[in-house]
Amino acid sequence: MSASAGPTTPPAFSPTGTYVPGEPWSSGVRRGPDGALTVAGVDVRELAAAQGTPAYVLDEADLRERARSYRRAFEAAFAEVGAGVDVYYAGKAFLSVAVARWVHAEGLRVDTATGGELAVALRAGVPGEHIGLHGNNKSDAEIARALDAGVGRIIVDSLLEVERVAAASRARGGAPAPVMIRVTTGVHAGGHEYISTAHEDQKFGLSLATPTEAEDSPAMTALLAVLAHPELELLGIHSHIGSQILDPSGFEVAARKVLELRAALAERTGFLVPEVDLGGGYGIAYLPGEVALDPDRIAKDVAASVAASSADLGTPLPRFSIEPGRAIVGPAGLTLYTVGTVKPVRVGGPTGDGEAESTTVRTYVSIDGGMSDNIRPALYGADYHAELANRLSDAEPVLARVVGKHCESGDIVVHDVLLPGDVRAGDLMAVAATGAYGRSMASNYNHVPRPPVVAVTDGETRVLVRRETEDDLLALDLG
């Protein structure tokens, strides 16, 4: 794992006595003259005293600005090439009633992946026509609820699902159900194998590859099946190539393949699908020195690419949509912990033949959370950055590993980071860029209650999702 050598003491102070740490922290994070972090004007020491730790802390203004940035960048870039675009917030990254309201207020629609996420979006007051429903194995109940709510799109993931959605739509006898077909383009992008979603050997979508020259691809077969059903409206084609993508070229190649499929369907049937969804997966900075994917750059590059592809194919541009999730909520969040056990561990030692081997001391810093509130390091080997959050220190930095309290040796939150050598029990530790896939993938492993989500705005705090309690856990256990 790459080391993250974050600052152990603040650099030279500005005239106001504070500095902005920058990425991977949210724009509202400051460190004051006494070394304590504040988020949107809220001192983390006060927040910890009021809310306890661990706690997910969400910078509302930062999240809203990132939502606006994606919408404005894509609207402007696609308008220049004569195409419209909708931006959907990918709720799987993190969804609560408040977050759904925030992103919708900033002009985004909401993408859901389950009935539970759909319920949250509807509770937030997001109109059904501004909601999409994903999922590779939707239940009949989820399909029915989506249709009853009037969702704007159901992203169909299999040939069987074409029939199931058609049957549910026919049973209601109303307007045709608007569907998109999710295709796998063969473009591999993203970080870990488990978050690269466009190769053929995985569960999502329908392949563009043809089994033989005489056969249609699964993607084409599904598109033709939708057109054959009067109960269905073929809204478009959907593609998603992965997550944590920092190179925009993958989006451009995948878009070209989808537009080629669209043109082939039109040549064969005379029907030109009105919309193409290019998915999400826009990468963010997790460590100091990393650079997130810039919305303006990616929007301009992709817009120019799809315009050129459509011109080559001789087809007018469709309406486009994209689905950022992590890029909006990830950097807006941090997780605040309290330090407990601090344990220096010697790594290395004498070899079996008696020759000396160099040794390193790694300081294991245990915090009061861990893999139950952030599974990504254990699941993907994901890297994060941590800093002492409650005070200054002039101690020499030491190589540290921030670990959790769970009964697993793989319960690691930050693999390698430089922390002050005097880090001790009772200190506060902040881990950056945890807004995405922290709370949404959290568990009760070892019967640990899940932390609250606390929004911070203009010096005020508000609990969006309350902390679970032992009473919550026991209430589910019927003996």
Protein backbone atom coordinates (compact mmCIF):
# COMPACT_ATOMS: atom_id res chain seq x y z
CA MET A 1 0.00 0.00 0.00
CA SER A 2 1.23 3.45 -0.80
CA ALA A 3 2.30 5.55 2.14
CA SER A 4 0.42 8.75 2.91
CA ALA A 5 2.73 11.30 4.46
CA GLY A 6 0.25 13.92 5.59
CA PRO A 7 1.27 16.91 7.71
CA THR A 8 1.73 16.23 11.41
CA THR A 9 1.63 19.95 12.27
CA PRO A 10 0.02 22.80 10.39
CA PRO A 11 2.22 24.72 7.95
CA ALA A 12 2.75 28.45 8.33
CA PHE A 13 -0.51 30.07 9.37
CA SER A 14 -2.33 32.59 7.23
CA PRO A 15 -3.14 36.00 8.77
CA THR A 16 -6.45 34.53 9.97
CA GLY A 17 -4.61 31.86 11.93
CA THR A 18 -6.00 28.95 9.93
CA TYR A 19 -5.10 26.97 6.86
CA VAL A 20 -7.06 24.90 4.38
CA PRO A 21 -5.66 21.36 4.17
CA GLY A 22 -6.98 20.83 0.61
CA GLU A 23 -7.61 17.47 -1.02
CA PRO A 24 -8.54 14.93 0.14
CA TRP A 25 -10.42 17.03 2.71
CA SER A 26 -13.68 18.86 2.02
CA SER A 27 -13.48 22.56 1.21
CA GLY A 28 -14.89 23.45 4.63
CA VAL A 29 -12.05 21.86 6.63
CA ARG A 30 -9.64 24.19 8.44
CA ARG A 31 -6.97 23.70 11.07
CA GLY A 32 -6.71 26.45 13.66
CA PRO A 33 -3.72 27.82 15.61
CA ASP A 34 -4.31 25.25 18.36
CA GLY A 35 -4.19 22.42 15.81
CA ALA A 36 -7.85 21.43 16.02
CA LEU A 37 -9.75 20.74 12.83
CA THR A 38 -12.98 22.52 12.12
CA VAL A 39 -15.52 21.55 9.47
CA ALA A 40 -17.75 24.33 8.14
CA GLY A 41 -16.98 26.30 11.28
CA VAL A 42 -17.66 23.43 13.70
CA ASP A 43 -14.78 22.40 15.98
CA VAL A 44 -14.41 18.62 15.84
CA ARG A 45 -13.74 18.52 19.60
CA GLU A 46 -17.15 20.05 20.24
CA LEU A 47 -18.74 17.76 17.70
CA ALA A 48 -17.19 14.68 19.32
CA ALA A 49 -18.32 15.83 22.77
CA ALA A 50 -21.89 16.32 21.56
CA GLN A 51 -22.28 13.38 19.19
CA GLY A 52 -19.66 10.88 20.33
CA THR A 53 -17.34 8.92 18.09
CA PRO A 54 -17.11 7.31 15.64
CA ALA A 55 -19.16 9.78 13.60
CA TYR A 56 -19.51 10.43 9.90
CA VAL A 57 -19.28 14.18 9.34
CA LEU A 58 -20.77 15.57 6.13
CA ASP A 59 -19.97 19.06 4.83
CA GLU A 60 -23.27 20.15 3.27
CA ALA A 61 -21.94 23.17 1.38
CA ASP A 62 -19.11 21.13 -0.12
CA LEU A 63 -21.49 18.38 -1.25
CA ARG A 64 -23.88 20.87 -2.82
CA GLU A 65 -21.07 22.65 -4.64
CA ARG A 66 -19.78 19.39 -6.10
CA ALA A 67 -23.30 18.56 -7.30
CA ARG A 68 -23.59 21.99 -8.93
CA SER A 69 -20.14 21.65 -10.48
CA TYR A 70 -21.01 18.40 -12.25
CA ARG A 71 -24.37 19.68 -13.46
CA ARG A 72 -22.99 22.99 -14.73
CA ALA A 73 -19.91 21.43 -16.35
CA PHE A 74 -21.86 18.80 -18.27
CA GLU A 75 -24.73 21.08 -19.22
CA ALA A 76 -22.31 23.66 -20.62
CA ALA A 77 -20.08 21.18 -22.44
CA PHE A 78 -22.94 19.22 -24.02
CA ALA A 79 -24.82 22.39 -24.96
CA GLU A 80 -21.78 23.43 -27.01
CA VAL A 81 -22.16 20.30 -29.16
CA GLY A 82 -25.95 20.58 -29.35
CA ALA A 83 -26.95 17.87 -26.87
CA GLY A 84 -28.91 17.87 -23.63
CA VAL A 85 -27.77 16.08 -20.50
CA ASP A 86 -29.22 15.01 -17.16
CA VAL A 87 -27.08 14.37 -14.09
CA TYR A 88 -28.24 11.62 -11.74
CA TYR A 89 -26.79 11.30 -8.25
CA ALA A 90 -25.80 7.65 -7.72
CA GLY A 91 -27.49 7.03 -4.39
CA LYS A 92 -25.57 3.82 -3.67
CA ALA A 93 -22.58 5.97 -2.63
CA PHE A 94 -24.62 7.34 0.27
CA LEU A 95 -28.30 8.15 0.41
CA SER A 96 -30.39 9.73 3.11
CA VAL A 97 -33.54 11.81 2.93
CA ALA A 98 -31.56 15.01 3.44
CA VAL A 99 -28.91 14.17 0.84
CA ALA A 100 -31.59 13.27 -1.71
CA ARG A 101 -33.23 16.64 -1.07
CA TRP A 102 -29.92 18.50 -1.35
CA VAL A 103 -28.89 17.01 -4.68
CA HIS A 104 -32.36 17.40 -6.16
CA ALA A 105 -32.41 21.03 -5.06
CA GLU A 106 -29.14 21.47 -6.97
CA GLY A 107 -30.77 20.19 -10.17
CA LEU A 108 -29.75 16.53 -10.05
CA ARG A 109 -31.97 13.51 -10.42
CA VAL A 110 -31.51 10.44 -8.23
CA ASP A 111 -30.37 6.99 -9.29
CA THR A 112 -31.41 4.11 -7.02
CA ALA A 113 -30.32 0.48 -7.00
CA THR A 114 -32.85 -1.17 -4.66
CA GLY A 115 -36.32 -0.77 -3.29
CA GLY A 116 -34.83 0.67 -0.10
CA GLU A 117 -32.99 3.41 -1.96
CA LEU A 118 -36.14 4.11 -3.98
CA ALA A 119 -38.10 4.46 -0.73
CA VAL A 120 -35.59 7.02 0.59
CA ALA A 121 -35.72 9.08 -2.61
CA LEU A 122 -39.53 9.07 -2.56
CA ARG A 123 -39.57 9.98 1.15
CA ALA A 124 -37.35 12.94 0.26
CA GLY A 125 -39.98 14.19 -2.17
CA VAL A 126 -38.00 13.52 -5.34
CA PRO A 127 -40.58 13.21 -8.14
CA GLY A 128 -40.84 9.73 -9.61
CA GLU A 129 -39.96 10.95 -13.09
CA HIS A 130 -36.62 12.18 -11.71
CA ILE A 131 -35.69 8.76 -10.31
CA GLY A 132 -34.05 5.80 -12.01
CA LEU A 133 -34.05 2.21 -10.77
CA HIS A 134 -31.03 -0.02 -11.32
CA GLY A 135 -30.31 -3.57 -10.18
CA ASN A 136 -29.25 -6.87 -11.71
CA ASN A 137 -31.87 -8.87 -9.79
CA LYS A 138 -34.87 -6.64 -9.13
CA SER A 139 -37.72 -8.29 -7.27
CA ASP A 140 -41.27 -8.21 -8.59
CA ALA A 141 -42.12 -5.91 -5.68
CA GLU A 142 -39.33 -3.48 -6.61
CA ILE A 143 -40.46 -3.37 -10.25
CA ALA A 144 -44.06 -2.85 -9.18
CA ARG A 145 -43.16 -0.06 -6.78
CA ALA A 146 -41.07 1.68 -9.43
CA LEU A 147 -43.95 1.57 -11.91
CA ASP A 148 -46.46 2.74 -9.31
CA ALA A 149 -44.16 5.63 -8.39
CA GLY A 150 -43.86 6.64 -12.04
CA VAL A 151 -40.08 6.40 -12.15
CA GLY A 152 -38.51 7.99 -15.18
CA ARG A 153 -36.47 4.93 -16.12
CA ILE A 154 -35.94 1.32 -15.21
CA ILE A 155 -32.50 0.10 -16.26
CA VAL A 156 -33.04 -3.45 -17.47
CA ASP A 157 -30.16 -5.85 -16.83
CA SER A 158 -31.20 -9.13 -18.48
CA LEU A 159 -33.44 -10.64 -21.13
CA LEU A 160 -35.59 -12.19 -18.43
CA GLU A 161 -36.13 -8.77 -16.90
CA VAL A 162 -37.48 -7.44 -20.19
CA GLU A 163 -40.31 -9.92 -19.88
CA ARG A 164 -40.86 -9.26 -16.18
CA VAL A 165 -41.10 -5.49 -16.58
CA ALA A 166 -43.39 -5.91 -19.58
CA ALA A 167 -45.67 -8.20 -17.57
CA ALA A 168 -45.81 -5.76 -14.65
CA SER A 169 -46.55 -2.87 -17.00
CA ARG A 170 -49.24 -4.85 -18.82
CA ALA A 171 -50.92 -5.69 -15.51
CA ARG A 172 -51.26 -1.98 -14.76
CA GLY A 173 -52.70 -1.12 -18.14
CA GLY A 174 -51.21 2.36 -18.18
CA ALA A 175 -48.55 4.10 -20.21
CA PRO A 176 -45.64 1.97 -21.41
CA ALA A 177 -42.85 1.55 -18.86
CA PRO A 178 -39.75 3.60 -19.79
CA VAL A 179 -36.73 1.28 -19.88
CA MET A 180 -33.05 1.43 -20.73
CA ILE A 181 -30.92 -1.60 -21.57
CA ARG A 182 -27.65 -1.83 -19.66
CA VAL A 183 -24.84 -3.05 -21.88
CA THR A 184 -21.29 -4.16 -21.18
CA THR A 185 -18.93 -2.53 -23.63
CA GLY A 186 -15.78 -4.52 -22.86
CA VAL A 187 -14.03 -1.34 -21.73
CA HIS A 188 -12.24 -2.07 -18.45
CA ALA A 189 -11.75 0.92 -16.17
CA GLY A 190 -11.45 1.73 -12.49
CA GLY A 191 -9.39 0.46 -9.60
CA HIS A 192 -9.99 -2.96 -8.06
CA GLU A 193 -11.29 -5.84 -10.19
CA TYR A 194 -14.52 -5.82 -8.17
CA ILE A 195 -15.33 -2.23 -9.16
CA SER A 196 -14.57 -2.62 -12.88
CA THR A 197 -18.00 -3.34 -14.28
CA ALA A 198 -17.78 -3.37 -18.10
CA HIS A 199 -15.94 -6.62 -18.79
CA GLU A 200 -18.05 -9.56 -19.89
CA ASP A 201 -17.25 -12.00 -17.06
CA GLN A 202 -19.39 -10.37 -14.37
CA LYS A 203 -23.01 -10.03 -13.33
CA PHE A 204 -24.02 -6.67 -14.80
CA GLY A 205 -25.53 -5.88 -18.18
CA LEU A 206 -25.75 -7.46 -21.61
CA SER A 207 -22.67 -7.91 -23.76
CA LEU A 208 -22.04 -6.19 -27.08
CA ALA A 209 -20.03 -9.21 -28.20
CA THR A 210 -21.67 -11.48 -30.78
CA PRO A 211 -21.44 -15.25 -30.19
CA THR A 212 -21.11 -15.86 -33.96
CA GLU A 213 -21.36 -13.73 -37.08
CA ALA A 214 -24.87 -15.08 -37.66
CA GLU A 215 -26.14 -14.22 -34.16
CA ASP A 216 -27.08 -10.97 -32.50
CA SER A 217 -25.27 -9.82 -29.41
CA PRO A 218 -27.17 -10.16 -26.12
CA ALA A 219 -27.43 -6.35 -26.06
CA MET A 220 -29.02 -6.17 -29.52
CA THR A 221 -31.34 -9.07 -28.67
CA ALA A 222 -32.58 -7.21 -25.59
CA LEU A 223 -33.14 -3.98 -27.52
CA LEU A 224 -35.17 -5.82 -30.14
CA ALA A 225 -37.16 -7.56 -27.41
CA VAL A 226 -38.10 -4.23 -25.85
CA LEU A 227 -39.25 -2.85 -29.21
CA ALA A 228 -41.45 -5.92 -29.64
CA HIS A 229 -43.35 -5.16 -26.42
CA PRO A 230 -46.04 -2.44 -26.63
CA GLU A 231 -45.99 -2.28 -22.82
CA LEU A 232 -42.43 -0.94 -22.92
CA GLU A 233 -40.91 2.33 -24.11
CA LEU A 234 -37.29 1.98 -25.19
CA LEU A 235 -35.84 5.11 -23.65
CA GLY A 236 -32.20 4.36 -24.25
CA ILE A 237 -28.98 2.44 -23.75
CA HIS A 238 -27.00 2.46 -20.51
CA SER A 239 -23.29 1.84 -19.94
CA HIS A 240 -21.20 1.91 -16.77
CA ILE A 241 -17.53 0.99 -17.01
CA GLY A 242 -16.28 1.04 -13.42
CA SER A 243 -15.53 3.15 -10.37
CA GLN A 244 -12.76 5.46 -9.14
CA ILE A 245 -11.77 6.25 -12.74
CA LEU A 246 -9.10 8.92 -13.16
CA ASP A 247 -8.46 8.54 -16.91
CA PRO A 248 -11.33 9.93 -19.06
CA SER A 249 -10.36 7.95 -22.16
CA GLY A 250 -12.38 4.94 -20.99
CA PHE A 251 -15.59 6.96 -21.04
CA GLU A 252 -14.88 8.08 -24.61
CA VAL A 253 -14.23 4.57 -25.92
CA ALA A 254 -17.32 3.17 -24.19
CA ALA A 255 -19.50 6.00 -25.49
CA ARG A 256 -18.37 5.27 -29.04
CA LYS A 257 -19.35 1.61 -28.68
CA VAL A 258 -22.79 2.51 -27.32
CA LEU A 259 -23.39 5.02 -30.12
CA GLU A 260 -22.40 2.36 -32.66
CA LEU A 261 -24.97 0.00 -31.14
CA ARG A 262 -27.57 2.77 -31.30
CA ALA A 263 -26.81 3.38 -34.96
CA ALA A 264 -26.94 -0.35 -35.75
CA LEU A 265 -30.36 -0.64 -34.12
CA ALA A 266 -31.62 2.35 -36.11
CA GLU A 267 -30.34 0.90 -39.37
CA ARG A 268 -32.07 -2.37 -38.64
CA THR A 269 -35.38 -1.11 -37.24
CA GLY A 270 -35.65 2.57 -38.08
CA PHE A 271 -35.84 3.38 -34.35
CA LEU A 272 -33.17 5.74 -32.98
CA VAL A 273 -33.13 5.53 -29.17
CA PRO A 274 -33.48 9.00 -27.68
CA GLU A 275 -31.07 8.69 -24.74
CA VAL A 276 -27.66 7.28 -23.84
CA ASP A 277 -26.43 7.01 -20.25
CA LEU A 278 -22.67 6.98 -19.79
CA GLY A 279 -22.75 5.92 -16.13
CA GLY A 280 -20.52 7.24 -13.39
CA GLY A 281 -17.30 6.20 -11.69
CA TYR A 282 -15.55 9.58 -11.62
CA GLY A 283 -12.50 9.32 -9.38
CA ILE A 284 -11.64 11.41 -6.34
CA ALA A 285 -8.52 12.10 -4.29
CA TYR A 286 -8.09 9.83 -1.29
CA LEU A 287 -4.49 10.76 -0.41
CA PRO A 288 -2.59 14.06 -0.26
CA GLY A 289 -1.04 14.75 -3.64
CA GLU A 290 -3.70 12.87 -5.59
CA VAL A 291 -5.82 14.85 -8.02
CA ALA A 292 -9.51 14.19 -8.56
CA LEU A 293 -11.05 13.98 -12.00
CA ASP A 294 -12.03 17.53 -12.98
CA PRO A 295 -15.72 17.88 -14.00
CA ASP A 296 -15.00 20.56 -16.60
CA ARG A 297 -12.26 18.52 -18.24
CA ILE A 298 -14.19 15.26 -18.36
CA ALA A 299 -17.35 16.99 -19.58
CA LYS A 300 -15.55 18.76 -22.44
CA ASP A 301 -13.60 15.66 -23.45
CA VAL A 302 -16.63 13.38 -23.47
CA ALA A 303 -18.85 15.92 -25.22
CA ALA A 304 -16.30 16.40 -27.99
CA SER A 305 -15.86 12.66 -28.32
CA VAL A 306 -19.57 11.82 -28.62
CA ALA A 307 -20.10 14.66 -31.09
CA ALA A 308 -17.31 13.31 -33.29
CA SER A 309 -18.63 9.73 -33.01
CA SER A 310 -22.17 10.75 -33.90
CA ALA A 311 -20.90 12.72 -36.89
CA ASP A 312 -18.89 9.70 -38.07
CA LEU A 313 -21.93 7.47 -37.73
CA GLY A 314 -24.26 9.94 -39.41
CA THR A 315 -26.72 9.94 -36.51
CA PRO A 316 -28.03 12.92 -34.54
CA LEU A 317 -26.89 13.21 -30.96
CA PRO A 318 -29.15 11.66 -28.32
CA ARG A 319 -29.85 13.16 -24.94
CA PHE A 320 -27.19 12.00 -22.49
CA SER A 321 -27.13 11.27 -18.79
CA ILE A 322 -24.39 10.57 -16.27
CA GLU A 323 -24.38 9.19 -12.71
CA PRO A 324 -21.73 10.63 -10.36
CA GLY A 325 -21.99 9.46 -6.76
CA ARG A 326 -18.60 9.14 -5.05
CA ALA A 327 -17.40 12.33 -6.79
CA ILE A 328 -20.14 14.32 -5.06
CA VAL A 329 -20.39 12.82 -1.59
CA GLY A 330 -16.98 11.17 -1.08
CA PRO A 331 -14.80 14.25 -0.51
CA ALA A 332 -17.60 15.97 1.42
CA GLY A 333 -17.31 13.48 4.28
CA LEU A 334 -14.82 12.54 6.95
CA THR A 335 -15.01 10.07 9.80
CA LEU A 336 -14.08 11.18 13.29
CA TYR A 337 -12.68 8.61 15.74
CA THR A 338 -11.20 8.53 19.23
CA VAL A 339 -7.81 6.88 19.71
CA GLY A 340 -7.53 4.04 22.22
CA THR A 341 -4.60 1.61 22.32
CA VAL A 342 -1.30 2.75 20.77
CA LYS A 343 1.13 -0.12 20.23
CA PRO A 344 4.59 -0.01 18.59
CA VAL A 345 5.31 -3.21 16.64
CA ARG A 346 8.70 -4.22 15.29
CA VAL A 347 8.52 -5.37 11.68
CA GLY A 348 11.38 -7.59 10.53
CA GLY A 349 14.11 -9.17 12.65
CA PRO A 350 16.94 -11.69 12.49
CA THR A 351 16.95 -14.16 9.62
CA GLY A 352 17.03 -17.91 10.06
CA ASP A 353 20.75 -18.14 9.20
CA GLY A 354 21.75 -15.81 11.98
CA GLU A 355 22.35 -12.74 9.84
CA ALA A 356 20.80 -9.53 11.06
CA GLU A 357 17.90 -8.08 9.14
CA SER A 358 16.85 -4.46 9.23
CA THR A 359 13.83 -3.74 11.40
CA THR A 360 11.16 -1.10 11.26
CA VAL A 361 8.84 -0.02 14.01
CA ARG A 362 5.26 0.51 12.91
CA THR A 363 2.97 2.14 15.44
CA TYR A 364 -0.48 0.57 15.52
CA VAL A 365 -3.03 3.21 16.45
CA SER A 366 -6.37 1.67 17.39
CA ILE A 367 -9.53 3.71 17.00
CA ASP A 368 -13.07 3.13 18.26
CA GLY A 369 -14.48 2.07 14.89
CA GLY A 370 -13.02 0.13 12.00
CA MET A 371 -14.20 -2.22 9.30
CA SER A 372 -17.83 -2.00 10.42
CA ASP A 373 -17.92 1.69 9.44
CA ASN A 374 -15.40 1.51 6.56
CA ILE A 375 -15.10 -1.88 4.90
CA ARG A 376 -13.30 -0.64 1.78
CA PRO A 377 -9.69 -1.09 2.99
CA ALA A 378 -10.43 -4.70 3.96
CA LEU A 379 -12.56 -5.38 0.88
CA TYR A 380 -10.58 -3.58 -1.82
CA GLY A 381 -7.28 -2.68 -0.20
CA ALA A 382 -8.42 0.95 -0.50
CA ASP A 383 -6.09 3.69 0.75
CA TYR A 384 -7.18 6.50 3.05
CA HIS A 385 -5.46 9.37 4.83
CA ALA A 386 -5.70 10.19 8.56
CA GLU A 387 -4.56 13.11 10.69
CA LEU A 388 -4.55 14.01 14.36
CA ALA A 389 -7.59 16.26 14.69
CA ASN A 390 -7.65 17.75 18.19
CA ARG A 391 -4.27 19.39 18.87
CA LEU A 392 -0.87 20.49 17.68
CA SER A 393 2.17 18.27 18.02
CA ASP A 394 5.85 18.96 17.48
CA ALA A 395 6.77 15.31 18.02
CA GLU A 396 8.75 13.52 15.32
CA PRO A 397 6.44 11.66 12.95
CA VAL A 398 6.29 7.88 13.10
CA LEU A 399 5.13 5.32 10.57
CA ALA A 400 1.66 4.35 11.75
CA ARG A 401 -1.18 2.04 10.83
CA VAL A 402 -4.68 3.05 11.89
CA VAL A 403 -6.65 -0.04 12.87
CA GLY A 404 -10.09 -0.80 14.18
CA LYS A 405 -11.50 -2.57 17.22
CA HIS A 406 -12.92 -5.63 15.46
CA CYS A 407 -11.83 -9.22 15.87
CA GLU A 408 -10.04 -9.38 12.49
CA SER A 409 -6.37 -8.83 11.69
CA GLY A 410 -7.53 -7.27 8.42
CA ASP A 411 -9.45 -4.59 10.31
CA ILE A 412 -7.31 -1.76 8.93
CA VAL A 413 -8.61 1.74 8.18
CA VAL A 414 -5.37 3.38 7.02
CA HIS A 415 -2.53 1.08 6.03
CA ASP A 416 0.40 3.52 6.23
CA VAL A 417 0.47 7.11 7.38
CA LEU A 418 2.89 9.39 9.24
CA LEU A 419 1.44 10.51 12.56
CA PRO A 420 2.97 12.45 15.46
CA GLY A 421 5.06 10.19 17.67
CA ASP A 422 3.14 11.31 20.75
CA VAL A 423 -0.26 10.17 19.47
CA ARG A 424 -2.08 8.82 22.51
CA ALA A 425 -5.33 7.52 23.92
CA GLY A 426 -8.06 10.15 23.89
CA ASP A 427 -6.79 11.94 20.79
CA LEU A 428 -9.22 12.51 17.96
CA MET A 429 -8.36 11.03 14.57
CA ALA A 430 -9.98 12.24 11.34
CA VAL A 431 -10.00 10.10 8.20
CA ALA A 432 -10.62 12.02 4.98
CA ALA A 433 -12.88 11.34 2.00
CA THR A 434 -15.17 8.79 3.65
CA GLY A 435 -18.48 10.25 2.47
CA ALA A 436 -18.95 7.54 -0.14
CA TYR A 437 -19.40 3.86 0.74
CA GLY A 438 -18.69 4.36 4.43
CA ARG A 439 -22.17 4.51 5.96
CA SER A 440 -23.79 2.88 2.92
CA MET A 441 -21.65 -0.27 3.30
CA ALA A 442 -21.52 -0.21 7.11
CA SER A 443 -22.37 -3.30 9.14
CA ASN A 444 -22.95 -4.42 12.71
CA TYR A 445 -19.99 -6.77 12.72
CA ASN A 446 -19.16 -7.83 16.29
CA HIS A 447 -22.51 -6.23 17.20
CA VAL A 448 -21.07 -2.74 16.95
CA PRO A 449 -23.80 -0.11 16.42
CA ARG A 450 -23.36 1.99 13.27
CA PRO A 451 -22.23 5.63 13.71
CA PRO A 452 -24.42 8.66 13.07
CA VAL A 453 -24.22 10.89 10.02
CA VAL A 454 -23.88 14.49 11.15
CA ALA A 455 -24.25 17.38 8.72
CA VAL A 456 -22.27 20.56 9.32
CA THR A 457 -23.30 23.88 7.79
CA ASP A 458 -22.28 27.44 8.69
CA GLY A 459 -21.15 26.54 12.19
CA GLU A 460 -24.20 24.41 12.94
CA THR A 461 -24.63 20.64 13.21
CA ARG A 462 -27.63 18.48 12.42
CA VAL A 463 -27.96 14.71 12.78
CA LEU A 464 -29.15 13.24 9.47
CA VAL A 465 -28.97 9.58 10.51
CA ARG A 466 -28.91 8.88 14.23
CA ARG A 467 -26.41 6.61 15.93
CA GLU A 468 -27.59 3.06 16.43
CA THR A 469 -27.76 1.76 19.98
CA GLU A 470 -27.51 -1.60 21.63
CA ASP A 471 -31.28 -1.39 22.12
CA ASP A 472 -31.63 -1.21 18.31
CA LEU A 473 -29.56 -4.38 17.96
CA LEU A 474 -31.44 -6.23 20.67
CA ALA A 475 -34.82 -5.16 19.27
CA LEU A 476 -34.13 -7.21 16.16
CA ASP A 477 -33.18 -10.32 18.14
CA LEU A 478 -36.44 -12.14 18.90
CA GLY A 479 -34.72 -14.86 20.90
